[in-house]
Amino acid sequence: MSADAETYDLRGLTCPLPVLRASKRLAGMPSGALLWVETTDPLAVIDIPAFCKDNGHNLRESYGVEGGHRFLIERG
């Protein structure tokens, strides 16, 4: 896990809220900043990578955890 990354707990939220909230949080961060996003929404495995690709962010890591997923996003 990246020690310099913030963690944003979006567990319990459903589509489209995880992407919308992650977008808002990333908008307030400098380019190159890292953000761990934690979700329980099963659609996040589709939505978060698509969001990163469409908005110029780098999805550095993505993996399943008990009850959800974690994504490490580098702000573009």
PDB file of N, CA and C in Angstrom:
ATOM      1  N   MET A   1       0.848  -1.176   0.000  1.00  0.00           N
ATOM      2  CA  MET A   1       0.000   0.000   0.000  1.00  0.00           C
ATOM      3  C   MET A   1       0.894   1.239   0.000  1.00  0.00           C
ATOM      4  N   SER A   2       0.492   2.255  -0.753  1.00  0.00           N
ATOM      5  CA  SER A   2       1.275   3.481  -0.842  1.00  0.00           C
ATOM      6  C   SER A   2       1.054   4.336   0.398  1.00  0.00           C
ATOM      7  N   ALA A   3       2.140   4.628   1.100  1.00  0.00           N
ATOM      8  CA  ALA A   3       2.050   5.364   2.356  1.00  0.00           C
ATOM      9  C   ALA A   3       1.632   6.806   2.151  1.00  0.00           C
ATOM     10  N   ASP A   4       1.932   7.381   0.985  1.00  0.00           N
ATOM     11  CA  ASP A   4       1.632   8.783   0.744  1.00  0.00           C
ATOM     12  C   ASP A   4       0.248   9.002   0.131  1.00  0.00           C
ATOM     13  N   ALA A   5      -0.547   7.956   0.005  1.00  0.00           N
ATOM     14  CA  ALA A   5      -1.878   8.063  -0.592  1.00  0.00           C
ATOM     15  C   ALA A   5      -2.947   8.259   0.485  1.00  0.00           C
ATOM     16  N   GLU A   6      -3.899   9.138   0.198  1.00  0.00           N
ATOM     17  CA  GLU A   6      -5.071   9.292   1.059  1.00  0.00           C
ATOM     18  C   GLU A   6      -6.005   8.112   0.794  1.00  0.00           C
ATOM     19  N   THR A   7      -6.881   7.821   1.740  1.00  0.00           N
ATOM     20  CA  THR A   7      -7.894   6.788   1.557  1.00  0.00           C
ATOM     21  C   THR A   7      -9.261   7.439   1.618  1.00  0.00           C
ATOM     22  N   TYR A   8     -10.096   7.108   0.640  1.00  0.00           N
ATOM     23  CA  TYR A   8     -11.440   7.657   0.565  1.00  0.00           C
ATOM     24  C   TYR A   8     -12.420   6.490   0.658  1.00  0.00           C
ATOM     25  N   ASP A   9     -13.146   6.412   1.753  1.00  0.00           N
ATOM     26  CA  ASP A   9     -14.075   5.314   2.019  1.00  0.00           C
ATOM     27  C   ASP A   9     -15.430   5.620   1.391  1.00  0.00           C
ATOM     28  N   LEU A  10     -15.729   4.928   0.305  1.00  0.00           N
ATOM     29  CA  LEU A  10     -17.007   5.094  -0.392  1.00  0.00           C
ATOM     30  C   LEU A  10     -17.848   3.826  -0.290  1.00  0.00           C
ATOM     31  N   ARG A  11     -17.539   3.009   0.708  1.00  0.00           N
ATOM     32  CA  ARG A  11     -18.298   1.767   0.904  1.00  0.00           C
ATOM     33  C   ARG A  11     -19.736   2.112   1.275  1.00  0.00           C
ATOM     34  N   GLY A  12     -20.647   1.337   0.736  1.00  0.00           N
ATOM     35  CA  GLY A  12     -22.067   1.537   1.020  1.00  0.00           C
ATOM     36  C   GLY A  12     -22.764   2.413   0.002  1.00  0.00           C
ATOM     37  N   LEU A  13     -21.997   3.092  -0.849  1.00  0.00           N
ATOM     38  CA  LEU A  13     -22.603   3.939  -1.882  1.00  0.00           C
ATOM     39  C   LEU A  13     -22.767   3.147  -3.169  1.00  0.00           C
ATOM     40  N   THR A  14     -23.822   3.461  -3.915  1.00  0.00           N
ATOM     41  CA  THR A  14     -24.061   2.776  -5.181  1.00  0.00           C
ATOM     42  C   THR A  14     -23.913   3.742  -6.340  1.00  0.00           C
ATOM     43  N   CYS A  15     -23.786   3.165  -7.523  1.00  0.00           N
ATOM     44  CA  CYS A  15     -23.622   3.908  -8.765  1.00  0.00           C
ATOM     45  C   CYS A  15     -24.711   4.977  -8.886  1.00  0.00           C
ATOM     46  N   PRO A  16     -24.344   6.177  -9.232  1.00  0.00           N
ATOM     47  CA  PRO A  16     -23.064   6.699  -9.699  1.00  0.00           C
ATOM     48  C   PRO A  16     -22.245   7.398  -8.608  1.00  0.00           C
ATOM     49  N   LEU A  17     -22.655   7.302  -7.362  1.00  0.00           N
ATOM     50  CA  LEU A  17     -22.016   8.075  -6.293  1.00  0.00           C
ATOM     51  C   LEU A  17     -20.518   7.813  -6.104  1.00  0.00           C
ATOM     52  N   PRO A  18     -20.022   6.565  -6.174  1.00  0.00           N
ATOM     53  CA  PRO A  18     -18.578   6.393  -5.997  1.00  0.00           C
ATOM     54  C   PRO A  18     -17.748   7.186  -7.015  1.00  0.00           C
ATOM     55  N   VAL A  19     -18.161   7.167  -8.274  1.00  0.00           N
ATOM     56  CA  VAL A  19     -17.426   7.907  -9.300  1.00  0.00           C
ATOM     57  C   VAL A  19     -17.575   9.412  -9.087  1.00  0.00           C
ATOM     58  N   LEU A  20     -18.768   9.871  -8.789  1.00  0.00           N
ATOM     59  CA  LEU A  20     -18.987  11.306  -8.597  1.00  0.00           C
ATOM     60  C   LEU A  20     -18.180  11.842  -7.417  1.00  0.00           C
ATOM     61  N   ARG A  21     -18.169  11.114  -6.327  1.00  0.00           N
ATOM     62  CA  ARG A  21     -17.428  11.576  -5.143  1.00  0.00           C
ATOM     63  C   ARG A  21     -15.921  11.469  -5.342  1.00  0.00           C
ATOM     64  N   ALA A  22     -15.477  10.408  -6.009  1.00  0.00           N
ATOM     65  CA  ALA A  22     -14.044  10.283  -6.300  1.00  0.00           C
ATOM     66  C   ALA A  22     -13.600  11.417  -7.219  1.00  0.00           C
ATOM     67  N   SER A  23     -14.415  11.750  -8.190  1.00  0.00           N
ATOM     68  CA  SER A  23     -14.106  12.841  -9.106  1.00  0.00           C
ATOM     69  C   SER A  23     -13.953  14.165  -8.366  1.00  0.00           C
ATOM     70  N   LYS A  24     -14.876  14.432  -7.463  1.00  0.00           N
ATOM     71  CA  LYS A  24     -14.830  15.671  -6.694  1.00  0.00           C
ATOM     72  C   LYS A  24     -13.591  15.717  -5.804  1.00  0.00           C
ATOM     73  N   ARG A  25     -13.269  14.606  -5.149  1.00  0.00           N
ATOM     74  CA  ARG A  25     -12.091  14.560  -4.270  1.00  0.00           C
ATOM     75  C   ARG A  25     -10.814  14.756  -5.081  1.00  0.00           C
ATOM     76  N   LEU A  26     -10.707  14.073  -6.223  1.00  0.00           N
ATOM     77  CA  LEU A  26      -9.513  14.197  -7.057  1.00  0.00           C
ATOM     78  C   LEU A  26      -9.347  15.613  -7.612  1.00  0.00           C
ATOM     79  N   ALA A  27     -10.450  16.280  -7.896  1.00  0.00           N
ATOM     80  CA  ALA A  27     -10.388  17.635  -8.441  1.00  0.00           C
ATOM     81  C   ALA A  27      -9.687  18.595  -7.484  1.00  0.00           C
ATOM     82  N   GLY A  28      -9.747  18.324  -6.192  1.00  0.00           N
ATOM     83  CA  GLY A  28      -9.115  19.174  -5.198  1.00  0.00           C
ATOM     84  C   GLY A  28      -7.689  18.765  -4.852  1.00  0.00           C
ATOM     85  N   MET A  29      -7.152  17.792  -5.580  1.00  0.00           N
ATOM     86  CA  MET A  29      -5.808  17.285  -5.299  1.00  0.00           C
ATOM     87  C   MET A  29      -4.852  17.712  -6.414  1.00  0.00           C
ATOM     88  N   PRO A  30      -3.571  17.845  -6.108  1.00  0.00           N
ATOM     89  CA  PRO A  30      -2.610  18.213  -7.157  1.00  0.00           C
ATOM     90  C   PRO A  30      -2.335  17.045  -8.106  1.00  0.00           C
ATOM     91  N   SER A  31      -1.910  17.371  -9.303  1.00  0.00           N
ATOM     92  CA  SER A  31      -1.535  16.352 -10.279  1.00  0.00           C
ATOM     93  C   SER A  31      -0.461  15.448  -9.692  1.00  0.00           C
ATOM     94  N   GLY A  32      -0.616  14.154  -9.890  1.00  0.00           N
ATOM     95  CA  GLY A  32       0.332  13.173  -9.366  1.00  0.00           C
ATOM     96  C   GLY A  32      -0.015  12.650  -7.982  1.00  0.00           C
ATOM     97  N   ALA A  33      -0.992  13.277  -7.312  1.00  0.00           N
ATOM     98  CA  ALA A  33      -1.405  12.815  -5.978  1.00  0.00           C
ATOM     99  C   ALA A  33      -2.062  11.440  -6.095  1.00  0.00           C
ATOM    100  N   LEU A  34      -1.937  10.658  -5.028  1.00  0.00           N
ATOM    101  CA  LEU A  34      -2.496   9.309  -5.001  1.00  0.00           C
ATOM    102  C   LEU A  34      -3.702   9.250  -4.079  1.00  0.00           C
ATOM    103  N   LEU A  35      -4.711   8.501  -4.504  1.00  0.00           N
ATOM    104  CA  LEU A  35      -5.928   8.335  -3.717  1.00  0.00           C
ATOM    105  C   LEU A  35      -6.372   6.887  -3.772  1.00  0.00           C
ATOM    106  N   TRP A  36      -6.486   6.255  -2.596  1.00  0.00           N
ATOM    107  CA  TRP A  36      -7.106   4.938  -2.497  1.00  0.00           C
ATOM    108  C   TRP A  36      -8.611   5.147  -2.403  1.00  0.00           C
ATOM    109  N   VAL A  37      -9.369   4.477  -3.230  1.00  0.00           N
ATOM    110  CA  VAL A  37     -10.823   4.525  -3.187  1.00  0.00           C
ATOM    111  C   VAL A  37     -11.315   3.138  -2.799  1.00  0.00           C
ATOM    112  N   GLU A  38     -12.125   3.076  -1.749  1.00  0.00           N
ATOM    113  CA  GLU A  38     -12.692   1.803  -1.282  1.00  0.00           C
ATOM    114  C   GLU A  38     -14.183   1.800  -1.591  1.00  0.00           C
ATOM    115  N   THR A  39     -14.649   0.736  -2.249  1.00  0.00           N
ATOM    116  CA  THR A  39     -16.055   0.659  -2.635  1.00  0.00           C
ATOM    117  C   THR A  39     -16.648  -0.717  -2.313  1.00  0.00           C
ATOM    118  N   THR A  40     -17.957  -0.750  -2.232  1.00  0.00           N
ATOM    119  CA  THR A  40     -18.684  -2.021  -2.134  1.00  0.00           C
ATOM    120  C   THR A  40     -19.617  -2.198  -3.330  1.00  0.00           C
ATOM    121  N   ASP A  41     -19.755  -1.174  -4.144  1.00  0.00           N
ATOM    122  CA  ASP A  41     -20.621  -1.237  -5.328  1.00  0.00           C
ATOM    123  C   ASP A  41     -20.001  -2.174  -6.363  1.00  0.00           C
ATOM    124  N   PRO A  42     -20.698  -3.256  -6.744  1.00  0.00           N
ATOM    125  CA  PRO A  42     -20.111  -4.192  -7.711  1.00  0.00           C
ATOM    126  C   PRO A  42     -19.830  -3.564  -9.074  1.00  0.00           C
ATOM    127  N   LEU A  43     -20.535  -2.503  -9.421  1.00  0.00           N
ATOM    128  CA  LEU A  43     -20.294  -1.849 -10.705  1.00  0.00           C
ATOM    129  C   LEU A  43     -19.033  -0.988 -10.706  1.00  0.00           C
ATOM    130  N   ALA A  44     -18.462  -0.755  -9.553  1.00  0.00           N
ATOM    131  CA  ALA A  44     -17.251   0.068  -9.476  1.00  0.00           C
ATOM    132  C   ALA A  44     -16.097  -0.535 -10.263  1.00  0.00           C
ATOM    133  N   VAL A  45     -16.055  -1.857 -10.399  1.00  0.00           N
ATOM    134  CA  VAL A  45     -14.966  -2.487 -11.159  1.00  0.00           C
ATOM    135  C   VAL A  45     -15.031  -2.114 -12.642  1.00  0.00           C
ATOM    136  N   ILE A  46     -16.169  -1.663 -13.103  1.00  0.00           N
ATOM    137  CA  ILE A  46     -16.326  -1.157 -14.469  1.00  0.00           C
ATOM    138  C   ILE A  46     -16.214   0.364 -14.475  1.00  0.00           C
ATOM    139  N   ASP A  47     -16.913   0.997 -13.539  1.00  0.00           N
ATOM    140  CA  ASP A  47     -17.029   2.454 -13.533  1.00  0.00           C
ATOM    141  C   ASP A  47     -15.729   3.179 -13.192  1.00  0.00           C
ATOM    142  N   ILE A  48     -14.997   2.731 -12.201  1.00  0.00           N
ATOM    143  CA  ILE A  48     -13.780   3.444 -11.781  1.00  0.00           C
ATOM    144  C   ILE A  48     -12.709   3.393 -12.872  1.00  0.00           C
ATOM    145  N   PRO A  49     -12.401   2.232 -13.462  1.00  0.00           N
ATOM    146  CA  PRO A  49     -11.419   2.237 -14.550  1.00  0.00           C
ATOM    147  C   PRO A  49     -11.852   3.108 -15.738  1.00  0.00           C
ATOM    148  N   ALA A  50     -13.129   3.068 -16.090  1.00  0.00           N
ATOM    149  CA  ALA A  50     -13.627   3.896 -17.197  1.00  0.00           C
ATOM    150  C   ALA A  50     -13.502   5.376 -16.857  1.00  0.00           C
ATOM    151  N   PHE A  51     -13.839   5.739 -15.627  1.00  0.00           N
ATOM    152  CA  PHE A  51     -13.707   7.119 -15.170  1.00  0.00           C
ATOM    153  C   PHE A  51     -12.256   7.576 -15.283  1.00  0.00           C
ATOM    154  N   CYS A  52     -11.319   6.748 -14.822  1.00  0.00           N
ATOM    155  CA  CYS A  52      -9.901   7.115 -14.879  1.00  0.00           C
ATOM    156  C   CYS A  52      -9.456   7.319 -16.322  1.00  0.00           C
ATOM    157  N   LYS A  53      -9.813   6.405 -17.183  1.00  0.00           N
ATOM    158  CA  LYS A  53      -9.425   6.493 -18.590  1.00  0.00           C
ATOM    159  C   LYS A  53     -10.006   7.750 -19.239  1.00  0.00           C
ATOM    160  N   ASP A  54     -11.261   8.020 -18.991  1.00  0.00           N
ATOM    161  CA  ASP A  54     -11.943   9.165 -19.614  1.00  0.00           C
ATOM    162  C   ASP A  54     -11.453  10.509 -19.098  1.00  0.00           C
ATOM    163  N   ASN A  55     -10.881  10.527 -17.885  1.00  0.00           N
ATOM    164  CA  ASN A  55     -10.498  11.787 -17.257  1.00  0.00           C
ATOM    165  C   ASN A  55      -8.998  11.978 -17.092  1.00  0.00           C
ATOM    166  N   GLY A  56      -8.219  11.092 -17.694  1.00  0.00           N
ATOM    167  CA  GLY A  56      -6.772  11.254 -17.691  1.00  0.00           C
ATOM    168  C   GLY A  56      -6.071  10.895 -16.394  1.00  0.00           C
ATOM    169  N   HIS A  57      -6.737  10.098 -15.557  1.00  0.00           N
ATOM    170  CA  HIS A  57      -6.112   9.629 -14.320  1.00  0.00           C
ATOM    171  C   HIS A  57      -5.489   8.261 -14.568  1.00  0.00           C
ATOM    172  N   ASN A  58      -4.504   7.895 -13.754  1.00  0.00           N
ATOM    173  CA  ASN A  58      -3.830   6.614 -13.888  1.00  0.00           C
ATOM    174  C   ASN A  58      -4.329   5.668 -12.791  1.00  0.00           C
ATOM    175  N   LEU A  59      -4.966   4.579 -13.197  1.00  0.00           N
ATOM    176  CA  LEU A  59      -5.392   3.554 -12.244  1.00  0.00           C
ATOM    177  C   LEU A  59      -4.182   2.661 -11.994  1.00  0.00           C
ATOM    178  N   ARG A  60      -3.515   2.883 -10.872  1.00  0.00           N
ATOM    179  CA  ARG A  60      -2.258   2.184 -10.584  1.00  0.00           C
ATOM    180  C   ARG A  60      -2.462   0.794 -10.018  1.00  0.00           C
ATOM    181  N   GLU A  61      -3.519   0.608  -9.230  1.00  0.00           N
ATOM    182  CA  GLU A  61      -3.814  -0.713  -8.660  1.00  0.00           C
ATOM    183  C   GLU A  61      -5.316  -0.880  -8.531  1.00  0.00           C
ATOM    184  N   SER A  62      -5.754  -2.109  -8.628  1.00  0.00           N
ATOM    185  CA  SER A  62      -7.162  -2.445  -8.437  1.00  0.00           C
ATOM    186  C   SER A  62      -7.234  -3.892  -7.989  1.00  0.00           C
ATOM    187  N   TYR A  63      -7.911  -4.121  -6.877  1.00  0.00           N
ATOM    188  CA  TYR A  63      -8.056  -5.501  -6.428  1.00  0.00           C
ATOM    189  C   TYR A  63      -9.275  -5.641  -5.531  1.00  0.00           C
ATOM    190  N   GLY A  64      -9.779  -6.866  -5.493  1.00  0.00           N
ATOM    191  CA  GLY A  64     -10.921  -7.181  -4.656  1.00  0.00           C
ATOM    192  C   GLY A  64     -10.504  -7.379  -3.207  1.00  0.00           C
ATOM    193  N   VAL A  65     -11.365  -6.951  -2.320  1.00  0.00           N
ATOM    194  CA  VAL A  65     -11.200  -7.180  -0.883  1.00  0.00           C
ATOM    195  C   VAL A  65     -12.525  -7.737  -0.391  1.00  0.00           C
ATOM    196  N   GLU A  66     -12.543  -8.215   0.820  1.00  0.00           N
ATOM    197  CA  GLU A  66     -13.776  -8.777   1.359  1.00  0.00           C
ATOM    198  C   GLU A  66     -14.899  -7.738   1.302  1.00  0.00           C
ATOM    199  N   GLY A  67     -15.931  -8.041   0.548  1.00  0.00           N
ATOM    200  CA  GLY A  67     -17.090  -7.160   0.447  1.00  0.00           C
ATOM    201  C   GLY A  67     -16.972  -6.013  -0.538  1.00  0.00           C
ATOM    202  N   GLY A  68     -15.856  -5.933  -1.271  1.00  0.00           N
ATOM    203  CA  GLY A  68     -15.744  -4.821  -2.202  1.00  0.00           C
ATOM    204  C   GLY A  68     -14.444  -4.791  -2.979  1.00  0.00           C
ATOM    205  N   HIS A  69     -14.025  -3.572  -3.308  1.00  0.00           N
ATOM    206  CA  HIS A  69     -12.815  -3.370  -4.104  1.00  0.00           C
ATOM    207  C   HIS A  69     -12.048  -2.159  -3.594  1.00  0.00           C
ATOM    208  N   ARG A  70     -10.750  -2.151  -3.923  1.00  0.00           N
ATOM    209  CA  ARG A  70      -9.883  -1.007  -3.653  1.00  0.00           C
ATOM    210  C   ARG A  70      -9.212  -0.600  -4.951  1.00  0.00           C
ATOM    211  N   PHE A  71      -9.122   0.696  -5.146  1.00  0.00           N
ATOM    212  CA  PHE A  71      -8.513   1.252  -6.341  1.00  0.00           C
ATOM    213  C   PHE A  71      -7.503   2.312  -5.921  1.00  0.00           C
ATOM    214  N   LEU A  72      -6.306   2.271  -6.508  1.00  0.00           N
ATOM    215  CA  LEU A  72      -5.314   3.314  -6.268  1.00  0.00           C
ATOM    216  C   LEU A  72      -5.266   4.169  -7.529  1.00  0.00           C
ATOM    217  N   ILE A  73      -5.684   5.418  -7.385  1.00  0.00           N
ATOM    218  CA  ILE A  73      -5.766   6.328  -8.519  1.00  0.00           C
ATOM    219  C   ILE A  73      -4.708   7.411  -8.358  1.00  0.00           C
ATOM    220  N   GLU A  74      -3.968   7.647  -9.435  1.00  0.00           N
ATOM    221  CA  GLU A  74      -3.039   8.767  -9.479  1.00  0.00           C
ATOM    222  C   GLU A  74      -3.691   9.872 -10.303  1.00  0.00           C
ATOM    223  N   ARG A  75      -3.831  11.040  -9.692  1.00  0.00           N
ATOM    224  CA  ARG A  75      -4.505  12.146 -10.385  1.00  0.00           C
ATOM    225  C   ARG A  75      -3.677  12.581 -11.588  1.00  0.00           C
ATOM    226  N   GLY A  76      -4.359  12.719 -12.714  1.00  0.00           N
ATOM    227  CA  GLY A  76      -3.712  13.140 -13.966  1.00  0.00           C
ATOM    228  C   GLY A  76      -3.570  14.638 -14.050  1.00  0.00           C
TER     229      GLY A  76
END
